[in-house]
């Protein structure tokens, strides 16, 4: 029967996350990819080629979209990206092409993992998301240090928590099985 609503489509998802992956290809090891999923372990297995079937349907969440495209988001301003948290004075701006003050270079989305961490750190402090009960879960120890440095001297919001550990420790949040392979 087509056109009807199934129980699966009406089911409220209890856990949903946006994630940042670093490339394993040596040439692109500092490049990051932002995505979203209700099951990060399964999605990681899909990224790594362990599972052949991809997502049935993907819909970019507002949070995910802004993280992917801060240069186009109204939350970051039209011609600048605030890469540094807590209102730091250093900002990335668009500069005019040489010889023409009216034409601007296109602002490109940041692709480096370190820049994407800075962006999400600033995003969780902005009004659309600062009051949400968000958790930042960091698996890579080097990124825990970067996150801590970005938070130093910043106002910490009550709803935002940062945790670190392994992906397997995160699994009970989204599945009944400890290995995260359950549906």
Protein backbone atom coordinates (compact mmCIF):
# COMPACT_ATOMS: atom_id res chain seq x y z
CA UNK A 1 0.00 0.00 0.00
CA UNK A 2 1.52 3.33 -1.01
CA UNK A 3 0.75 6.78 0.27
CA UNK A 4 -0.11 5.64 3.80
CA UNK A 5 1.84 6.50 6.90
CA UNK A 6 3.76 3.65 8.44
CA UNK A 7 4.49 3.29 12.13
CA UNK A 8 8.18 3.81 11.35
CA UNK A 9 7.64 7.22 9.75
CA UNK A 10 5.62 8.43 12.74
CA UNK A 11 8.10 7.16 15.33
CA UNK A 12 9.82 9.88 17.36
CA UNK A 13 13.59 9.50 17.22
CA UNK A 14 14.94 9.64 20.78
CA UNK A 15 18.53 10.30 19.72
CA UNK A 16 19.84 12.24 16.75
CA UNK A 17 23.32 13.58 16.24
CA UNK A 18 25.35 15.73 13.92
CA UNK A 19 28.89 14.46 13.54
CA UNK A 20 32.27 15.51 12.20
CA UNK A 21 34.49 12.92 10.55
CA UNK A 22 38.12 13.40 9.52
CA UNK A 23 39.30 11.77 6.32
CA UNK A 24 41.53 8.70 6.59
CA UNK A 25 43.12 9.47 3.20
CA UNK A 26 46.60 10.84 4.02
CA UNK A 27 46.32 13.66 1.48
CA UNK A 28 43.08 14.88 3.10
CA UNK A 29 43.64 13.89 6.74
CA UNK A 30 42.93 17.42 8.01
CA UNK A 31 39.66 17.69 6.04
CA UNK A 32 36.36 17.18 7.80
CA UNK A 33 32.91 15.99 6.77
CA UNK A 34 29.73 16.98 8.64
CA UNK A 35 26.67 14.74 8.61
CA UNK A 36 23.78 13.62 10.79
CA UNK A 37 22.27 10.31 11.85
CA UNK A 38 20.23 8.60 14.58
CA UNK A 39 22.87 5.81 14.76
CA UNK A 40 26.49 7.06 14.52
CA UNK A 41 28.13 3.63 14.73
CA UNK A 42 26.07 2.28 11.84
CA UNK A 43 26.70 5.48 9.85
CA UNK A 44 30.46 5.25 10.46
CA UNK A 45 30.40 1.67 9.19
CA UNK A 46 28.64 2.96 6.05
CA UNK A 47 31.28 5.68 5.58
CA UNK A 48 34.06 3.12 5.99
CA UNK A 49 32.50 0.72 3.47
CA UNK A 50 31.68 -2.04 6.00
CA UNK A 51 27.98 -1.68 5.15
CA UNK A 52 26.99 -1.29 1.52
CA UNK A 53 23.61 0.35 1.93
CA UNK A 54 23.56 4.08 2.57
CA UNK A 55 20.91 6.18 4.22
CA UNK A 56 17.38 5.65 2.92
CA UNK A 57 16.50 9.30 3.23
CA UNK A 58 18.54 12.24 4.40
CA UNK A 59 17.21 15.59 5.42
CA UNK A 60 19.64 18.26 6.54
CA UNK A 61 18.78 19.59 9.96
CA UNK A 62 19.10 23.34 10.43
CA UNK A 63 21.99 22.79 12.85
CA UNK A 64 23.77 20.46 10.41
CA UNK A 65 23.22 22.81 7.47
CA UNK A 66 24.67 25.82 9.32
CA UNK A 67 27.66 23.73 10.42
CA UNK A 68 28.22 22.71 6.78
CA UNK A 69 27.58 26.17 5.30
CA UNK A 70 28.34 28.88 7.90
CA UNK A 71 29.37 31.25 5.13
CA UNK A 72 25.78 31.19 3.80
CA UNK A 73 24.02 31.23 7.16
CA UNK A 74 22.26 34.27 8.60
CA UNK A 75 23.66 33.22 11.99
CA UNK A 76 27.22 34.12 10.96
CA UNK A 77 26.65 37.27 8.88
CA UNK A 78 26.78 37.79 5.14
CA UNK A 79 30.47 38.42 4.42
CA UNK A 80 32.35 37.02 7.39
CA UNK A 81 32.84 33.89 9.40
CA UNK A 82 33.45 34.21 13.10
CA UNK A 83 35.89 31.34 13.47
CA UNK A 84 37.04 32.33 16.89
CA UNK A 85 34.76 31.94 19.88
CA UNK A 86 33.75 34.52 22.46
CA UNK A 87 33.73 37.50 20.10
CA UNK A 88 37.45 37.47 19.37
CA UNK A 89 38.51 40.33 17.12
CA UNK A 90 40.12 38.13 14.47
CA UNK A 91 37.52 37.42 11.81
CA UNK A 92 37.63 35.95 8.33
CA UNK A 93 36.24 38.43 5.87
CA UNK A 94 35.69 38.53 2.15
CA UNK A 95 38.13 40.86 0.43
CA UNK A 96 37.52 42.58 -2.90
CA UNK A 97 39.27 41.21 -5.95
CA UNK A 98 42.36 43.25 -6.80
CA UNK A 99 41.55 46.13 -9.14
CA UNK A 100 37.80 46.01 -8.51
CA UNK A 101 36.36 47.28 -5.23
CA UNK A 102 32.83 46.15 -6.16
CA UNK A 103 33.47 42.48 -6.92
CA UNK A 104 34.02 40.17 -3.99
CA UNK A 105 35.62 36.77 -3.87
CA UNK A 106 33.25 33.97 -3.06
CA UNK A 107 33.46 32.88 0.55
CA UNK A 108 34.12 29.16 0.65
CA UNK A 109 32.97 26.80 3.34
CA UNK A 110 35.70 25.77 5.76
CA UNK A 111 36.85 22.20 5.18
CA UNK A 112 39.49 21.71 7.86
CA UNK A 113 38.57 19.76 10.98
CA UNK A 114 40.00 22.45 13.27
CA UNK A 115 37.84 25.13 11.61
CA UNK A 116 34.72 22.97 11.84
CA UNK A 117 35.38 22.46 15.57
CA UNK A 118 35.66 26.23 16.01
CA UNK A 119 32.42 26.76 14.11
CA UNK A 120 30.41 24.26 16.16
CA UNK A 121 31.92 25.67 19.36
CA UNK A 122 30.62 29.09 18.39
CA UNK A 123 27.30 27.73 17.14
CA UNK A 124 26.37 26.23 20.51
CA UNK A 125 26.80 29.71 22.04
CA UNK A 126 24.46 31.45 19.59
CA UNK A 127 20.79 32.15 20.38
CA UNK A 128 19.21 29.51 18.13
CA UNK A 129 21.03 26.70 19.94
CA UNK A 130 22.39 28.04 23.25
CA UNK A 131 19.26 27.07 25.18
CA UNK A 132 18.93 23.59 23.67
CA UNK A 133 19.97 20.64 25.86
CA UNK A 134 22.91 19.74 23.61
CA UNK A 135 25.81 17.42 24.32
CA UNK A 136 29.11 17.63 22.49
CA UNK A 137 30.73 14.19 22.50
CA UNK A 138 34.38 14.17 21.39
CA UNK A 139 36.18 10.95 20.57
CA UNK A 140 39.55 12.32 19.40
CA UNK A 141 41.77 13.39 22.36
CA UNK A 142 43.41 16.22 20.38
CA UNK A 143 40.01 17.75 19.71
CA UNK A 144 39.14 17.61 23.42
CA UNK A 145 42.13 19.87 24.03
CA UNK A 146 41.10 22.22 21.20
CA UNK A 147 37.52 22.41 22.53
CA UNK A 148 38.77 23.16 26.06
CA UNK A 149 41.01 25.96 24.74
CA UNK A 150 38.11 27.44 22.76
CA UNK A 151 35.91 27.42 25.88
CA UNK A 152 38.51 29.11 28.06
CA UNK A 153 37.19 32.51 29.08
CA UNK A 154 33.81 31.98 27.41
CA UNK A 155 30.39 32.01 28.99
CA UNK A 156 29.26 28.43 29.49
CA UNK A 157 25.60 27.75 28.87
CA UNK A 158 23.66 25.48 31.21
CA UNK A 159 22.20 23.31 28.45
CA UNK A 160 25.52 22.51 26.75
CA UNK A 161 27.68 19.67 28.05
CA UNK A 162 30.94 18.33 26.64
CA UNK A 163 31.91 14.70 27.13
CA UNK A 164 34.73 12.61 25.73
CA UNK A 165 35.26 8.91 25.32
CA UNK A 166 34.87 6.13 22.79
CA UNK A 167 32.08 5.68 20.28
CA UNK A 168 31.13 2.43 22.00
CA UNK A 169 30.51 4.36 25.24
CA UNK A 170 28.06 6.55 23.33
CA UNK A 171 26.15 3.54 21.93
CA UNK A 172 23.69 3.05 24.84
CA UNK A 173 22.23 6.49 24.06
CA UNK A 174 20.89 5.36 20.68
CA UNK A 175 20.54 1.60 20.83
CA UNK A 176 19.82 -1.19 23.27
CA UNK A 177 23.04 -3.03 22.38
CA UNK A 178 26.43 -2.00 23.68
CA UNK A 179 28.13 -2.49 20.30
CA UNK A 180 25.78 -0.01 18.62
CA UNK A 181 24.85 -2.34 15.78
CA UNK A 182 21.21 -2.60 16.76
CA UNK A 183 18.49 -0.77 14.92
